[in-house]
Amino acid sequence: MRVAVRWGIAATLAVAVPVLGAYWRTIAPVDVTTMTVGPDTIRLTVASVVPLESALATDVGSRVSGTLRSIYVREGEHVTRGQLLALVDPDEGVVGRDLARIATTDASRQEAAALLALAQRERERQRLRDIDTQVRAVGPLVAAETHEQAALAVGQAEAALSAARSRREATNLEVAQARRSAERWALRAPHDGVVFRIYRRVGETVVPAAFGGDVGRVVTVAVMTDGLARVPVDDRAALLMDSTARVSAVIVADPSRPLRARVRRVGPILRGNRPDGFEIEVDVAVERGGVPVGAMVAINVTVAETHAKVGVPLEAVVSAPDGGIGVGVYAVEDGRAVFRRLKLGVVGDATVAVQSGLSAGMQVILPQRDLQEPLRTGMPVRVRR
């Protein structure tokens, strides 16, 4: 009998204890950490570490196909506008120019000979006229046919002179074209600056930059007074960005050197002809010395900054329970957790603006890692001190 009683008591406790435990958990308050919400400044920033480029960098490439024969500069060397940087197979251009000059010299000689022949023919025709004038009383001594032949000779001489002049003008044009062709083989600095990079070696084949793209580059000349940083951003930041955004920048290798920076523009990143995200172009000016092109710089851009009547931490925002639509937070009301659905505004780095659903002064429950069960509306809670 006693054994049966003991087994009955054990069975009762086995059922009662879990039930009483579950009931106790429904009435016992759960310790939670909260935050009192109120007016807040919502900031959205973009932080990135990127290489510093030159704000003005010009690629110099060949305008014709050929072989790179000589390079006269080194990377890092200062150059002036018009300075010779490299030669691309100049022999062909020089030969063409010299041949054109020889042709021009021959044409000039032919023109001089034609001019001399014309003068001789004109003198001969004038001599025949003078003879007839002196003996006019007697009658012409020179036959009309002779006069006609003299006039014909003068006309032929004039035609030869005209042809010689045309040849000379044509060869002069060829010389000018050959000179320009020879100049096309010479690569010169487009402006004062520093040789930022040399892409080709002597003996390599080069193609016109217009058709070769990056392949057509031979030298890049950069101006070292201003820099440019390209910071990738997501779509949301790109839509909120404007040129008045606050920017801070420092050289990673030397954080003690703050750089003056401002947003130039926000534009798409292109991969070929296809957009692939967005980027911020940031103008960077160094307080002292030249721009350390290629140095890594830390760029922080305040994309958006707004003052909200109520702001809540992003970590406190959760999805609506039981598969409901929208998001919200759990607030403490009369000692219990209550889910409040929110209408959100600008989302910042750590906080978000609340347009409706919360009032200033309310306590919002922050994420709790030690809870044995998830929060639910009506759960008794006790704010940790």
Protein backbone atom coordinates (compact mmCIF):
# COMPACT_ATOMS: atom_id res chain seq x y z
CA MET A 1 0.00 0.00 0.00
CA ARG A 2 2.78 2.40 0.96
CA VAL A 3 4.54 1.64 -2.33
CA ALA A 4 1.44 2.52 -4.30
CA VAL A 5 1.08 5.80 -2.41
CA ARG A 6 4.66 6.70 -3.05
CA TRP A 7 4.24 5.98 -6.73
CA GLY A 8 1.12 8.12 -6.81
CA ILE A 9 2.86 11.04 -5.13
CA ALA A 10 5.77 10.76 -7.56
CA ALA A 11 3.46 10.71 -10.54
CA THR A 12 1.58 13.76 -9.23
CA LEU A 13 4.80 15.70 -8.71
CA ALA A 14 6.04 14.73 -12.17
CA VAL A 15 2.99 16.38 -13.66
CA ALA A 16 2.62 19.24 -11.21
CA VAL A 17 6.19 20.53 -11.18
CA PRO A 18 6.40 21.35 -14.95
CA VAL A 19 2.94 22.85 -14.82
CA LEU A 20 3.78 24.97 -11.79
CA GLY A 21 7.11 25.95 -13.41
CA ALA A 22 5.40 27.08 -16.58
CA TYR A 23 2.81 28.97 -14.55
CA TRP A 24 5.51 30.60 -12.45
CA ARG A 25 7.32 31.74 -15.56
CA THR A 26 4.11 33.41 -16.76
CA ILE A 27 3.77 35.42 -13.56
CA ALA A 28 7.44 35.91 -12.60
CA PRO A 29 8.93 39.08 -14.13
CA VAL A 30 11.85 38.74 -16.52
CA ASP A 31 14.83 41.04 -16.04
CA VAL A 32 15.40 43.20 -19.13
CA THR A 33 17.64 46.06 -20.18
CA THR A 34 15.86 49.10 -21.56
CA MET A 35 16.57 52.49 -23.09
CA THR A 36 14.46 55.59 -22.71
CA VAL A 37 13.83 57.02 -26.18
CA GLY A 38 13.59 60.68 -27.07
CA PRO A 39 14.89 63.26 -29.55
CA ASP A 40 17.95 62.03 -31.41
CA THR A 41 20.26 62.92 -34.28
CA ILE A 42 20.20 60.26 -36.96
CA ARG A 43 23.45 60.00 -38.89
CA LEU A 44 24.26 57.79 -41.85
CA THR A 45 27.96 57.63 -42.63
CA VAL A 46 30.06 55.82 -45.22
CA ALA A 47 33.54 54.81 -44.15
CA SER A 48 36.12 53.37 -46.50
CA VAL A 49 39.88 53.05 -46.97
CA VAL A 50 40.80 53.70 -50.60
CA PRO A 51 43.90 54.71 -52.60
CA LEU A 52 44.35 58.40 -53.31
CA GLU A 53 44.40 59.28 -57.00
CA SER A 54 45.40 62.47 -58.75
CA ALA A 55 42.49 64.83 -59.44
CA LEU A 56 44.08 65.64 -62.81
CA ALA A 57 45.85 62.75 -64.46
CA THR A 58 46.27 62.63 -68.24
CA ASP A 59 47.06 59.45 -70.11
CA VAL A 60 49.53 59.98 -72.95
CA GLY A 61 49.39 57.44 -75.75
CA SER A 62 50.55 56.98 -79.31
CA ARG A 63 48.36 58.24 -82.15
CA VAL A 64 49.72 55.62 -84.52
CA SER A 65 50.70 51.96 -84.30
CA GLY A 66 54.37 51.26 -84.02
CA THR A 67 57.21 50.19 -81.75
CA LEU A 68 58.19 52.11 -78.64
CA ARG A 69 61.79 53.05 -79.38
CA SER A 70 62.73 55.34 -76.48
CA ILE A 71 61.47 56.50 -73.08
CA TYR A 72 63.12 59.64 -71.73
CA VAL A 73 61.50 59.92 -68.28
CA ARG A 74 61.12 57.88 -65.09
CA GLU A 75 58.19 57.42 -62.75
CA GLY A 76 58.08 60.21 -60.18
CA GLU A 77 59.99 62.64 -62.41
CA HIS A 78 58.68 66.19 -62.76
CA VAL A 79 57.98 67.25 -66.34
CA THR A 80 56.89 70.45 -68.05
CA ARG A 81 54.31 70.97 -70.74
CA GLY A 82 55.63 69.93 -74.17
CA GLN A 83 58.56 67.95 -72.76
CA LEU A 84 59.45 64.87 -74.83
CA LEU A 85 58.42 61.73 -72.97
CA ALA A 86 58.93 58.95 -75.52
CA LEU A 87 59.34 58.16 -79.21
CA VAL A 88 57.35 55.58 -81.12
CA ASP A 89 59.35 54.27 -84.09
CA PRO A 90 60.32 57.74 -85.45
CA ASP A 91 62.32 56.44 -88.44
CA GLU A 92 59.38 56.14 -90.84
CA GLY A 93 58.10 59.61 -90.04
CA VAL A 94 61.54 61.20 -90.43
CA VAL A 95 62.18 59.46 -93.77
CA GLY A 96 58.83 60.61 -95.11
CA ARG A 97 59.53 64.16 -94.00
CA ASP A 98 62.99 64.18 -95.63
CA LEU A 99 61.64 62.78 -98.91
CA ALA A 100 58.97 65.48 -98.93
CA ARG A 101 61.64 68.14 -98.38
CA ILE A 102 63.68 66.79 -101.32
CA ALA A 103 60.56 66.87 -103.50
CA THR A 104 59.94 70.46 -102.47
CA THR A 105 63.51 71.45 -103.37
CA ASP A 106 63.15 69.86 -106.83
CA ALA A 107 59.81 71.61 -107.35
CA SER A 108 61.35 74.95 -106.39
CA ARG A 109 64.17 74.41 -108.89
CA GLN A 110 61.68 73.52 -111.61
CA GLU A 111 59.71 76.64 -110.81
CA ALA A 112 62.84 78.79 -111.07
CA ALA A 113 63.74 77.17 -114.41
CA ALA A 114 60.22 77.75 -115.73
CA LEU A 115 60.36 81.38 -114.63
CA LEU A 116 63.69 81.85 -116.43
CA ALA A 117 62.33 80.21 -119.59
CA LEU A 118 59.29 82.49 -119.51
CA ALA A 119 61.49 85.55 -119.23
CA GLN A 120 63.56 84.41 -122.23
CA ARG A 121 60.44 83.82 -124.34
CA GLU A 122 59.04 87.23 -123.43
CA ARG A 123 62.34 88.93 -124.35
CA GLU A 124 62.38 87.13 -127.70
CA ARG A 125 58.81 88.22 -128.50
CA GLN A 126 59.62 91.81 -127.50
CA ARG A 127 62.74 91.81 -129.75
CA LEU A 128 60.62 90.84 -132.74
CA ARG A 129 58.16 93.62 -131.98
CA ASP A 130 60.96 96.18 -131.69
CA ILE A 131 62.29 95.19 -135.14
CA ASP A 132 58.91 95.80 -136.76
CA THR A 133 58.52 99.12 -134.93
CA GLN A 134 61.86 100.46 -136.17
CA VAL A 135 61.05 99.75 -139.83
CA ARG A 136 57.33 100.53 -139.74
CA ALA A 137 57.63 102.98 -142.65
CA VAL A 138 59.02 100.33 -144.93
CA GLY A 139 56.76 97.54 -143.74
CA PRO A 140 57.08 94.54 -141.37
CA LEU A 141 60.29 92.59 -141.78
CA VAL A 142 59.21 89.77 -139.46
CA ALA A 143 56.53 87.47 -140.79
CA ALA A 144 53.25 87.16 -138.93
CA GLU A 145 53.88 83.45 -138.49
CA THR A 146 57.06 84.20 -136.57
CA HIS A 147 55.13 86.50 -134.21
CA GLU A 148 52.59 83.78 -133.63
CA GLN A 149 55.28 81.27 -132.83
CA ALA A 150 56.84 83.71 -130.34
CA ALA A 151 53.47 84.31 -128.67
CA LEU A 152 52.90 80.54 -128.50
CA ALA A 153 56.30 80.05 -126.89
CA VAL A 154 55.44 82.68 -124.27
CA GLY A 155 52.13 80.96 -123.52
CA GLN A 156 53.83 77.61 -123.15
CA ALA A 157 56.40 79.13 -120.81
CA GLU A 158 53.59 80.67 -118.72
CA ALA A 159 51.83 77.31 -118.53
CA ALA A 160 55.07 75.59 -117.50
CA LEU A 161 55.60 78.21 -114.78
CA SER A 162 52.07 77.73 -113.49
CA ALA A 163 52.55 73.95 -113.37
CA ALA A 164 55.86 74.34 -111.57
CA ARG A 165 54.25 76.60 -108.97
CA SER A 166 51.44 74.09 -108.44
CA ARG A 167 53.97 71.30 -107.92
CA ARG A 168 55.87 73.43 -105.42
CA GLU A 169 52.69 74.21 -103.46
CA ALA A 170 51.74 70.53 -103.46
CA THR A 171 55.15 69.48 -102.19
CA ASN A 172 55.01 72.19 -99.52
CA LEU A 173 51.76 70.64 -98.33
CA GLU A 174 53.39 67.21 -98.35
CA VAL A 175 56.24 68.58 -96.23
CA ALA A 176 53.78 70.01 -93.73
CA GLN A 177 51.89 66.73 -93.56
CA ALA A 178 55.11 64.75 -93.23
CA ARG A 179 56.25 67.08 -90.44
CA ARG A 180 52.96 66.55 -88.61
CA SER A 181 53.25 62.82 -89.20
CA ALA A 182 56.73 62.83 -87.71
CA GLU A 183 55.48 64.80 -84.72
CA ARG A 184 52.76 62.21 -84.13
CA TRP A 185 55.44 59.72 -83.25
CA ALA A 186 56.70 61.95 -80.44
CA LEU A 187 54.87 61.68 -77.10
CA ARG A 188 54.99 64.95 -75.15
CA ALA A 189 53.74 66.03 -71.73
CA PRO A 190 50.28 67.65 -72.04
CA HIS A 191 50.85 69.81 -68.96
CA ASP A 192 53.20 70.33 -66.04
CA GLY A 193 53.14 67.49 -63.56
CA VAL A 194 54.76 64.30 -62.41
CA VAL A 195 55.16 61.05 -64.34
CA PHE A 196 52.75 58.95 -62.30
CA ARG A 197 53.10 55.70 -64.18
CA ILE A 198 54.78 54.20 -67.27
CA TYR A 199 52.83 51.33 -68.78
CA ARG A 200 55.09 50.17 -71.64
CA ARG A 201 58.68 49.12 -72.13
CA VAL A 202 61.07 49.98 -74.91
CA GLY A 203 60.61 47.58 -77.82
CA GLU A 204 56.94 46.88 -77.16
CA THR A 205 54.31 47.46 -79.82
CA VAL A 206 51.88 50.31 -79.18
CA VAL A 207 48.56 51.11 -80.80
CA PRO A 208 46.55 54.34 -81.05
CA ALA A 209 45.06 55.19 -77.67
CA ALA A 210 41.69 55.99 -79.26
CA PHE A 211 41.31 52.35 -80.31
CA GLY A 212 43.41 50.60 -77.71
CA GLY A 213 41.78 52.01 -74.56
CA ASP A 214 44.00 51.11 -71.61
CA VAL A 215 46.28 49.25 -74.01
CA GLY A 216 46.99 52.52 -75.82
CA ARG A 217 48.36 54.21 -72.72
CA VAL A 218 52.10 54.71 -72.55
CA VAL A 219 52.60 57.32 -69.81
CA THR A 220 50.34 59.05 -67.27
CA VAL A 221 51.21 62.59 -66.21
CA ALA A 222 49.52 63.69 -62.96
CA VAL A 223 49.16 67.04 -61.21
CA MET A 224 50.21 66.66 -57.59
CA THR A 225 48.33 69.57 -56.00
CA ASP A 226 44.92 67.90 -55.54
CA GLY A 227 43.81 64.35 -54.98
CA LEU A 228 40.70 62.31 -55.68
CA ALA A 229 39.30 59.42 -53.64
CA ARG A 230 36.60 57.12 -55.00
CA VAL A 231 34.47 55.63 -52.23
CA PRO A 232 31.95 52.89 -53.13
CA VAL A 233 28.49 53.33 -51.60
CA ASP A 234 25.23 51.37 -51.62
CA ASP A 235 22.08 52.50 -53.39
CA ARG A 236 20.51 53.98 -50.27
CA ALA A 237 23.51 56.13 -49.46
CA ALA A 238 23.79 57.26 -53.10
CA LEU A 239 20.18 58.50 -53.08
CA LEU A 240 20.71 60.50 -49.89
CA MET A 241 24.10 61.92 -50.83
CA ASP A 242 24.66 65.53 -51.84
CA SER A 243 27.65 67.83 -52.25
CA THR A 244 27.12 69.41 -48.80
CA ALA A 245 27.89 66.18 -46.95
CA ARG A 246 30.55 66.42 -44.31
CA VAL A 247 33.75 64.62 -45.13
CA SER A 248 36.81 63.79 -43.08
CA ALA A 249 39.95 62.19 -44.45
CA VAL A 250 43.34 61.13 -43.12
CA ILE A 251 46.30 59.29 -44.58
CA VAL A 252 46.23 55.81 -43.10
CA ALA A 253 50.01 55.70 -42.76
CA ASP A 254 49.97 59.05 -40.95
CA PRO A 255 46.66 59.66 -39.12
CA SER A 256 48.07 62.88 -37.68
CA ARG A 257 47.78 64.53 -41.11
CA PRO A 258 44.12 65.48 -41.64
CA LEU A 259 43.23 66.23 -45.25
CA ARG A 260 40.75 68.81 -46.46
CA ALA A 261 38.04 67.04 -48.42
CA ARG A 262 34.70 67.72 -50.06
CA VAL A 263 32.23 65.69 -52.09
CA ARG A 264 32.58 66.37 -55.81
CA ARG A 265 29.83 64.15 -57.17
CA VAL A 266 28.02 60.86 -56.81
CA GLY A 267 27.95 58.71 -59.91
CA PRO A 268 27.62 55.12 -61.11
CA ILE A 269 30.51 52.69 -61.20
CA LEU A 270 30.81 51.40 -64.75
CA ARG A 271 32.16 48.00 -65.68
CA GLY A 272 32.56 48.42 -69.41
CA ASN A 273 29.28 50.08 -70.37
CA ARG A 274 27.21 48.55 -67.58
CA PRO A 275 26.53 50.19 -64.18
CA ASP A 276 27.82 48.26 -61.19
CA GLY A 277 26.89 50.26 -58.10
CA PHE A 278 27.66 53.81 -57.07
CA GLU A 279 30.65 55.75 -55.82
CA ILE A 280 31.39 59.10 -54.23
CA GLU A 281 34.13 61.19 -55.78
CA VAL A 282 35.84 63.11 -52.99
CA ASP A 283 38.23 65.99 -53.66
CA VAL A 284 41.18 65.86 -51.26
CA ALA A 285 43.69 68.64 -50.60
CA VAL A 286 46.83 68.17 -48.56
CA GLU A 287 47.66 70.90 -46.05
CA ARG A 288 51.37 70.72 -46.77
CA GLY A 289 53.45 69.11 -49.47
CA GLY A 290 52.25 67.35 -52.57
CA VAL A 291 49.50 64.80 -52.90
CA PRO A 292 50.85 61.34 -52.00
CA VAL A 293 49.22 59.66 -54.97
CA GLY A 294 48.75 55.97 -54.31
CA ALA A 295 48.70 56.37 -50.52
CA MET A 296 45.77 54.78 -48.69
CA VAL A 297 43.41 57.29 -47.14
CA ALA A 298 40.55 56.79 -44.69
CA ILE A 299 37.42 58.64 -45.87
CA ASN A 300 34.37 59.16 -43.65
CA VAL A 301 31.37 60.77 -45.34
CA THR A 302 28.26 61.84 -43.44
CA VAL A 303 25.70 60.91 -46.07
CA ALA A 304 22.63 62.00 -44.11
CA GLU A 305 22.04 63.80 -40.83
CA THR A 306 18.56 64.54 -39.52
CA HIS A 307 17.02 65.43 -36.16
CA ALA A 308 14.20 63.13 -35.09
CA LYS A 309 11.63 63.71 -32.34
CA VAL A 310 12.07 60.05 -31.41
CA GLY A 311 14.95 57.78 -32.31
CA VAL A 312 15.50 54.13 -31.37
CA PRO A 313 18.52 51.86 -31.62
CA LEU A 314 18.51 49.65 -34.70
CA GLU A 315 19.28 46.62 -32.53
CA ALA A 316 15.95 47.03 -30.74
CA VAL A 317 13.88 46.89 -33.95
CA VAL A 318 12.43 43.43 -34.63
CA SER A 319 9.97 41.88 -37.03
CA ALA A 320 6.30 41.74 -36.04
CA PRO A 321 5.53 38.58 -34.00
CA ASP A 322 3.54 35.63 -35.31
CA GLY A 323 4.37 36.43 -38.94
CA GLY A 324 2.75 39.85 -38.82
CA ILE A 325 3.52 42.58 -41.31
CA GLY A 326 5.98 45.33 -40.47
CA VAL A 327 8.51 45.95 -37.73
CA GLY A 328 8.46 47.39 -34.27
CA VAL A 329 9.93 47.28 -30.78
CA TYR A 330 8.99 45.85 -27.42
CA ALA A 331 8.29 48.59 -24.90
CA VAL A 332 7.72 48.35 -21.14
CA GLU A 333 4.20 49.39 -20.16
CA ASP A 334 2.83 48.78 -16.65
CA GLY A 335 5.49 46.19 -15.94
CA ARG A 336 4.82 44.14 -19.05
CA ALA A 337 6.36 43.85 -22.52
CA VAL A 338 4.18 45.27 -25.28
CA PHE A 339 5.00 45.05 -29.01
CA ARG A 340 4.52 48.41 -30.70
CA ARG A 341 4.42 48.55 -34.47
CA LEU A 342 6.47 51.46 -35.86
CA LYS A 343 6.56 53.64 -38.92
CA LEU A 344 10.24 54.34 -39.50
CA GLY A 345 11.98 57.29 -41.12
CA VAL A 346 15.65 57.80 -41.95
CA VAL A 347 17.80 54.81 -41.01
CA GLY A 348 21.21 55.76 -39.65
CA ASP A 349 24.32 53.89 -38.64
CA ALA A 350 23.06 52.81 -35.21
CA THR A 351 19.68 54.50 -34.77
CA VAL A 352 16.53 55.03 -36.80
CA ALA A 353 14.00 57.86 -36.78
CA VAL A 354 10.48 56.93 -35.65
CA GLN A 355 7.63 58.71 -37.39
CA SER A 356 4.81 57.06 -35.42
CA GLY A 357 4.29 54.30 -32.86
CA LEU A 358 6.44 55.62 -29.99
CA SER A 359 6.52 58.71 -27.84
CA ALA A 360 9.47 60.36 -26.17
CA GLY A 361 10.07 59.05 -22.67
CA MET A 362 8.97 55.49 -23.36
CA GLN A 363 11.22 52.58 -22.41
CA VAL A 364 12.28 50.27 -25.23
CA ILE A 365 13.62 46.79 -24.48
CA LEU A 366 17.06 46.13 -25.90
CA PRO A 367 18.15 42.66 -27.11
CA GLN A 368 18.41 40.19 -24.23
CA ARG A 369 20.82 37.28 -24.62
CA ASP A 370 19.96 35.54 -21.36
CA LEU A 371 16.22 35.15 -21.93
CA GLN A 372 15.04 31.54 -21.85
CA GLU A 373 12.09 32.33 -24.13
CA PRO A 374 11.42 35.11 -26.63
CA LEU A 375 9.63 38.29 -25.67
CA ARG A 376 5.89 38.43 -26.20
CA THR A 377 3.19 40.93 -25.50
CA GLY A 378 1.96 40.66 -21.91
CA MET A 379 5.13 39.07 -20.55
CA PRO A 380 5.95 40.49 -17.07
CA VAL A 381 9.28 42.28 -17.12
CA ARG A 382 11.46 44.03 -14.59
CA VAL A 383 13.94 46.72 -15.66
CA ARG A 384 17.48 45.99 -14.61
CA ARG A 385 19.08 48.67 -12.49
